[in-house]
């Protein structure tokens, strides 16, 4: 996957994670934290791919 694709997926997961963290359900809040972290990792992956010139 290319840099742009990973960054979009990362932004999406971060946004969904942030929304889930607003829930009154502790399990949903925990899911939201995990999903936000996943999005941050995808963002980083996209940045690394971009730096390496792997934007396919």
PDB file of N, CA and C in Angstrom:
ATOM      1  N   UNK A   1       0.846  -1.170   0.000  1.00  0.00           N
ATOM      2  CA  UNK A   1       0.000   0.000   0.000  1.00  0.00           C
ATOM      3  C   UNK A   1       0.885   1.224   0.000  1.00  0.00           C
ATOM      4  N   UNK A   2       0.375   2.240  -0.618  1.00  0.00           N
ATOM      5  CA  UNK A   2       1.159   3.452  -0.726  1.00  0.00           C
ATOM      6  C   UNK A   2       1.032   4.353   0.485  1.00  0.00           C
ATOM      7  N   UNK A   3       1.873   5.353   0.449  1.00  0.00           N
ATOM      8  CA  UNK A   3       1.905   6.332   1.537  1.00  0.00           C
ATOM      9  C   UNK A   3       0.534   6.962   1.760  1.00  0.00           C
ATOM     10  N   UNK A   4      -0.087   7.423   0.681  1.00  0.00           N
ATOM     11  CA  UNK A   4      -1.381   8.102   0.791  1.00  0.00           C
ATOM     12  C   UNK A   4      -2.443   7.184   1.385  1.00  0.00           C
ATOM     13  N   UNK A   5      -2.488   5.948   0.913  1.00  0.00           N
ATOM     14  CA  UNK A   5      -3.482   4.987   1.390  1.00  0.00           C
ATOM     15  C   UNK A   5      -3.333   4.743   2.888  1.00  0.00           C
ATOM     16  N   UNK A   6      -2.103   4.555   3.341  1.00  0.00           N
ATOM     17  CA  UNK A   6      -1.870   4.306   4.771  1.00  0.00           C
ATOM     18  C   UNK A   6      -2.264   5.514   5.610  1.00  0.00           C
ATOM     19  N   UNK A   7      -1.973   6.705   5.108  1.00  0.00           N
ATOM     20  CA  UNK A   7      -2.321   7.902   5.867  1.00  0.00           C
ATOM     21  C   UNK A   7      -3.838   8.067   5.967  1.00  0.00           C
ATOM     22  N   UNK A   8      -4.556   7.770   4.892  1.00  0.00           N
ATOM     23  CA  UNK A   8      -6.022   7.861   4.919  1.00  0.00           C
ATOM     24  C   UNK A   8      -6.592   6.837   5.895  1.00  0.00           C
ATOM     25  N   UNK A   9      -6.097   5.611   5.820  1.00  0.00           N
ATOM     26  CA  UNK A   9      -6.569   4.572   6.743  1.00  0.00           C
ATOM     27  C   UNK A   9      -6.260   4.962   8.185  1.00  0.00           C
ATOM     28  N   UNK A  10      -5.085   5.536   8.400  1.00  0.00           N
ATOM     29  CA  UNK A  10      -4.703   5.971   9.734  1.00  0.00           C
ATOM     30  C   UNK A  10      -5.604   7.062  10.263  1.00  0.00           C
ATOM     31  N   UNK A  11      -5.899   8.061   9.424  1.00  0.00           N
ATOM     32  CA  UNK A  11      -6.803   9.140   9.830  1.00  0.00           C
ATOM     33  C   UNK A  11      -8.180   8.598  10.169  1.00  0.00           C
ATOM     34  N   UNK A  12      -8.659   7.666   9.373  1.00  0.00           N
ATOM     35  CA  UNK A  12      -9.975   7.075   9.604  1.00  0.00           C
ATOM     36  C   UNK A  12     -10.015   6.334  10.935  1.00  0.00           C
ATOM     37  N   UNK A  13      -9.011   5.506  11.187  1.00  0.00           N
ATOM     38  CA  UNK A  13      -8.979   4.754  12.447  1.00  0.00           C
ATOM     39  C   UNK A  13      -8.841   5.678  13.647  1.00  0.00           C
ATOM     40  N   UNK A  14      -8.055   6.734  13.518  1.00  0.00           N
ATOM     41  CA  UNK A  14      -7.924   7.682  14.624  1.00  0.00           C
ATOM     42  C   UNK A  14      -9.264   8.355  14.915  1.00  0.00           C
ATOM     43  N   UNK A  15      -9.964   8.770  13.865  1.00  0.00           N
ATOM     44  CA  UNK A  15     -11.246   9.450  14.055  1.00  0.00           C
ATOM     45  C   UNK A  15     -12.269   8.524  14.702  1.00  0.00           C
ATOM     46  N   UNK A  16     -12.370   7.304  14.214  1.00  0.00           N
ATOM     47  CA  UNK A  16     -13.317   6.341  14.782  1.00  0.00           C
ATOM     48  C   UNK A  16     -12.943   6.035  16.233  1.00  0.00           C
ATOM     49  N   UNK A  17     -11.651   5.887  16.489  1.00  0.00           N
ATOM     50  CA  UNK A  17     -11.186   5.625  17.850  1.00  0.00           C
ATOM     51  C   UNK A  17     -11.548   6.754  18.795  1.00  0.00           C
ATOM     52  N   UNK A  18     -11.405   7.989  18.329  1.00  0.00           N
ATOM     53  CA  UNK A  18     -11.758   9.143  19.164  1.00  0.00           C
ATOM     54  C   UNK A  18     -13.247   9.170  19.487  1.00  0.00           C
ATOM     55  N   UNK A  19     -14.067   8.821  18.517  1.00  0.00           N
ATOM     56  CA  UNK A  19     -15.514   8.789  18.746  1.00  0.00           C
ATOM     57  C   UNK A  19     -15.861   7.695  19.767  1.00  0.00           C
ATOM     58  N   UNK A  20     -15.261   6.528  19.614  1.00  0.00           N
ATOM     59  CA  UNK A  20     -15.532   5.424  20.544  1.00  0.00           C
ATOM     60  C   UNK A  20     -15.119   5.782  21.970  1.00  0.00           C
ATOM     61  N   UNK A  21     -14.091   6.598  22.121  1.00  0.00           N
ATOM     62  CA  UNK A  21     -13.621   6.970  23.452  1.00  0.00           C
ATOM     63  C   UNK A  21     -14.611   7.879  24.180  1.00  0.00           C
ATOM     64  N   UNK A  22     -15.573   8.419  23.473  1.00  0.00           N
ATOM     65  CA  UNK A  22     -16.592   9.272  24.086  1.00  0.00           C
ATOM     66  C   UNK A  22     -17.757   8.462  24.640  1.00  0.00           C
ATOM     67  N   UNK A  23     -17.728   7.153  24.434  1.00  0.00           N
ATOM     68  CA  UNK A  23     -18.809   6.268  24.862  1.00  0.00           C
ATOM     69  C   UNK A  23     -18.874   6.161  26.389  1.00  0.00           C
ATOM     70  N   UNK A  24     -20.026   5.819  26.879  1.00  0.00           N
ATOM     71  CA  UNK A  24     -20.210   5.570  28.301  1.00  0.00           C
ATOM     72  C   UNK A  24     -19.805   4.151  28.686  1.00  0.00           C
ATOM     73  N   UNK A  25     -19.593   3.296  27.691  1.00  0.00           N
ATOM     74  CA  UNK A  25     -19.247   1.899  27.918  1.00  0.00           C
ATOM     75  C   UNK A  25     -17.718   1.761  28.016  1.00  0.00           C
ATOM     76  N   UNK A  26     -17.196   1.249  29.124  1.00  0.00           N
ATOM     77  CA  UNK A  26     -15.743   1.123  29.289  1.00  0.00           C
ATOM     78  C   UNK A  26     -15.075   0.242  28.223  1.00  0.00           C
ATOM     79  N   UNK A  27     -15.770  -0.806  27.786  1.00  0.00           N
ATOM     80  CA  UNK A  27     -15.202  -1.675  26.753  1.00  0.00           C
ATOM     81  C   UNK A  27     -15.061  -0.932  25.430  1.00  0.00           C
ATOM     82  N   UNK A  28     -16.062  -0.137  25.100  1.00  0.00           N
ATOM     83  CA  UNK A  28     -16.017   0.641  23.863  1.00  0.00           C
ATOM     84  C   UNK A  28     -14.915   1.696  23.939  1.00  0.00           C
ATOM     85  N   UNK A  29     -14.747   2.310  25.105  1.00  0.00           N
ATOM     86  CA  UNK A  29     -13.663   3.295  25.270  1.00  0.00           C
ATOM     87  C   UNK A  29     -12.304   2.629  25.075  1.00  0.00           C
ATOM     88  N   UNK A  30     -12.144   1.424  25.612  1.00  0.00           N
ATOM     89  CA  UNK A  30     -10.880   0.698  25.452  1.00  0.00           C
ATOM     90  C   UNK A  30     -10.634   0.364  23.981  1.00  0.00           C
ATOM     91  N   UNK A  31     -11.692  -0.066  23.283  1.00  0.00           N
ATOM     92  CA  UNK A  31     -11.576  -0.327  21.842  1.00  0.00           C
ATOM     93  C   UNK A  31     -11.137   0.937  21.112  1.00  0.00           C
ATOM     94  N   UNK A  32     -11.707   2.052  21.509  1.00  0.00           N
ATOM     95  CA  UNK A  32     -11.379   3.326  20.879  1.00  0.00           C
ATOM     96  C   UNK A  32      -9.917   3.689  21.049  1.00  0.00           C
ATOM     97  N   UNK A  33      -9.371   3.446  22.226  1.00  0.00           N
ATOM     98  CA  UNK A  33      -7.949   3.735  22.465  1.00  0.00           C
ATOM     99  C   UNK A  33      -7.074   2.861  21.576  1.00  0.00           C
ATOM    100  N   UNK A  34      -7.438   1.586  21.459  1.00  0.00           N
ATOM    101  CA  UNK A  34      -6.677   0.671  20.604  1.00  0.00           C
ATOM    102  C   UNK A  34      -6.766   1.089  19.144  1.00  0.00           C
ATOM    103  N   UNK A  35      -7.966   1.472  18.713  1.00  0.00           N
ATOM    104  CA  UNK A  35      -8.159   1.853  17.325  1.00  0.00           C
ATOM    105  C   UNK A  35      -7.410   3.146  17.007  1.00  0.00           C
ATOM    106  N   UNK A  36      -7.385   4.066  17.943  1.00  0.00           N
ATOM    107  CA  UNK A  36      -6.638   5.304  17.735  1.00  0.00           C
ATOM    108  C   UNK A  36      -5.138   4.999  17.614  1.00  0.00           C
ATOM    109  N   UNK A  37      -4.640   4.112  18.459  1.00  0.00           N
ATOM    110  CA  UNK A  37      -3.227   3.726  18.398  1.00  0.00           C
ATOM    111  C   UNK A  37      -2.902   3.054  17.063  1.00  0.00           C
ATOM    112  N   UNK A  38      -3.830   2.231  16.580  1.00  0.00           N
ATOM    113  CA  UNK A  38      -3.645   1.579  15.287  1.00  0.00           C
ATOM    114  C   UNK A  38      -3.553   2.628  14.184  1.00  0.00           C
ATOM    115  N   UNK A  39      -4.404   3.632  14.261  1.00  0.00           N
ATOM    116  CA  UNK A  39      -4.380   4.704  13.273  1.00  0.00           C
ATOM    117  C   UNK A  39      -3.078   5.476  13.301  1.00  0.00           C
ATOM    118  N   UNK A  40      -2.572   5.723  14.497  1.00  0.00           N
ATOM    119  CA  UNK A  40      -1.288   6.428  14.618  1.00  0.00           C
ATOM    120  C   UNK A  40      -0.167   5.599  13.997  1.00  0.00           C
ATOM    121  N   UNK A  41      -0.212   4.288  14.192  1.00  0.00           N
ATOM    122  CA  UNK A  41       0.803   3.405  13.609  1.00  0.00           C
ATOM    123  C   UNK A  41       0.705   3.407  12.082  1.00  0.00           C
ATOM    124  N   UNK A  42      -0.518   3.424  11.562  1.00  0.00           N
ATOM    125  CA  UNK A  42      -0.694   3.468  10.114  1.00  0.00           C
ATOM    126  C   UNK A  42      -0.167   4.787   9.545  1.00  0.00           C
ATOM    127  N   UNK A  43      -0.375   5.863  10.265  1.00  0.00           N
ATOM    128  CA  UNK A  43       0.149   7.163   9.843  1.00  0.00           C
ATOM    129  C   UNK A  43       1.672   7.088   9.748  1.00  0.00           C
ATOM    130  N   UNK A  44       2.300   6.528  10.768  1.00  0.00           N
ATOM    131  CA  UNK A  44       3.751   6.405  10.789  1.00  0.00           C
ATOM    132  C   UNK A  44       4.236   5.537   9.630  1.00  0.00           C
ATOM    133  N   UNK A  45       3.541   4.445   9.383  1.00  0.00           N
ATOM    134  CA  UNK A  45       3.910   3.562   8.274  1.00  0.00           C
ATOM    135  C   UNK A  45       3.854   4.325   6.960  1.00  0.00           C
ATOM    136  N   UNK A  46       2.816   5.135   6.778  1.00  0.00           N
ATOM    137  CA  UNK A  46       2.702   5.931   5.566  1.00  0.00           C
ATOM    138  C   UNK A  46       3.839   6.926   5.431  1.00  0.00           C
ATOM    139  N   UNK A  47       4.233   7.539   6.540  1.00  0.00           N
ATOM    140  CA  UNK A  47       5.334   8.495   6.510  1.00  0.00           C
ATOM    141  C   UNK A  47       6.649   7.804   6.145  1.00  0.00           C
ATOM    142  N   UNK A  48       6.869   6.616   6.705  1.00  0.00           N
ATOM    143  CA  UNK A  48       8.089   5.867   6.398  1.00  0.00           C
ATOM    144  C   UNK A  48       8.096   5.453   4.928  1.00  0.00           C
ATOM    145  N   UNK A  49       6.968   4.971   4.430  1.00  0.00           N
ATOM    146  CA  UNK A  49       6.890   4.599   3.023  1.00  0.00           C
ATOM    147  C   UNK A  49       7.170   5.798   2.128  1.00  0.00           C
ATOM    148  N   UNK A  50       6.647   6.949   2.508  1.00  0.00           N
ATOM    149  CA  UNK A  50       6.892   8.158   1.731  1.00  0.00           C
ATOM    150  C   UNK A  50       8.355   8.549   1.743  1.00  0.00           C
ATOM    151  N   UNK A  51       8.974   8.440   2.905  1.00  0.00           N
ATOM    152  CA  UNK A  51      10.402   8.789   3.026  1.00  0.00           C
ATOM    153  C   UNK A  51      11.274   7.834   2.203  1.00  0.00           C
ATOM    154  N   UNK A  52      10.835   6.580   2.115  1.00  0.00           N
ATOM    155  CA  UNK A  52      11.591   5.596   1.356  1.00  0.00           C
ATOM    156  C   UNK A  52      11.253   5.603  -0.139  1.00  0.00           C
ATOM    157  N   UNK A  53      10.217   6.377  -0.497  1.00  0.00           N
ATOM    158  CA  UNK A  53       9.816   6.461  -1.892  1.00  0.00           C
ATOM    159  C   UNK A  53       9.032   5.255  -2.359  1.00  0.00           C
ATOM    160  N   UNK A  54       8.290   4.640  -1.472  1.00  0.00           N
ATOM    161  CA  UNK A  54       7.494   3.451  -1.797  1.00  0.00           C
ATOM    162  C   UNK A  54       6.039   3.771  -2.039  1.00  0.00           C
ATOM    163  N   UNK A  55       5.728   4.928  -2.580  1.00  0.00           N
ATOM    164  CA  UNK A  55       4.326   5.297  -2.814  1.00  0.00           C
ATOM    165  C   UNK A  55       3.849   4.630  -4.095  1.00  0.00           C
ATOM    166  N   UNK A  56       3.292   3.428  -3.923  1.00  0.00           N
ATOM    167  CA  UNK A  56       2.865   2.606  -5.070  1.00  0.00           C
ATOM    168  C   UNK A  56       1.402   2.856  -5.353  1.00  0.00           C
TER     169      UNK A  56
END
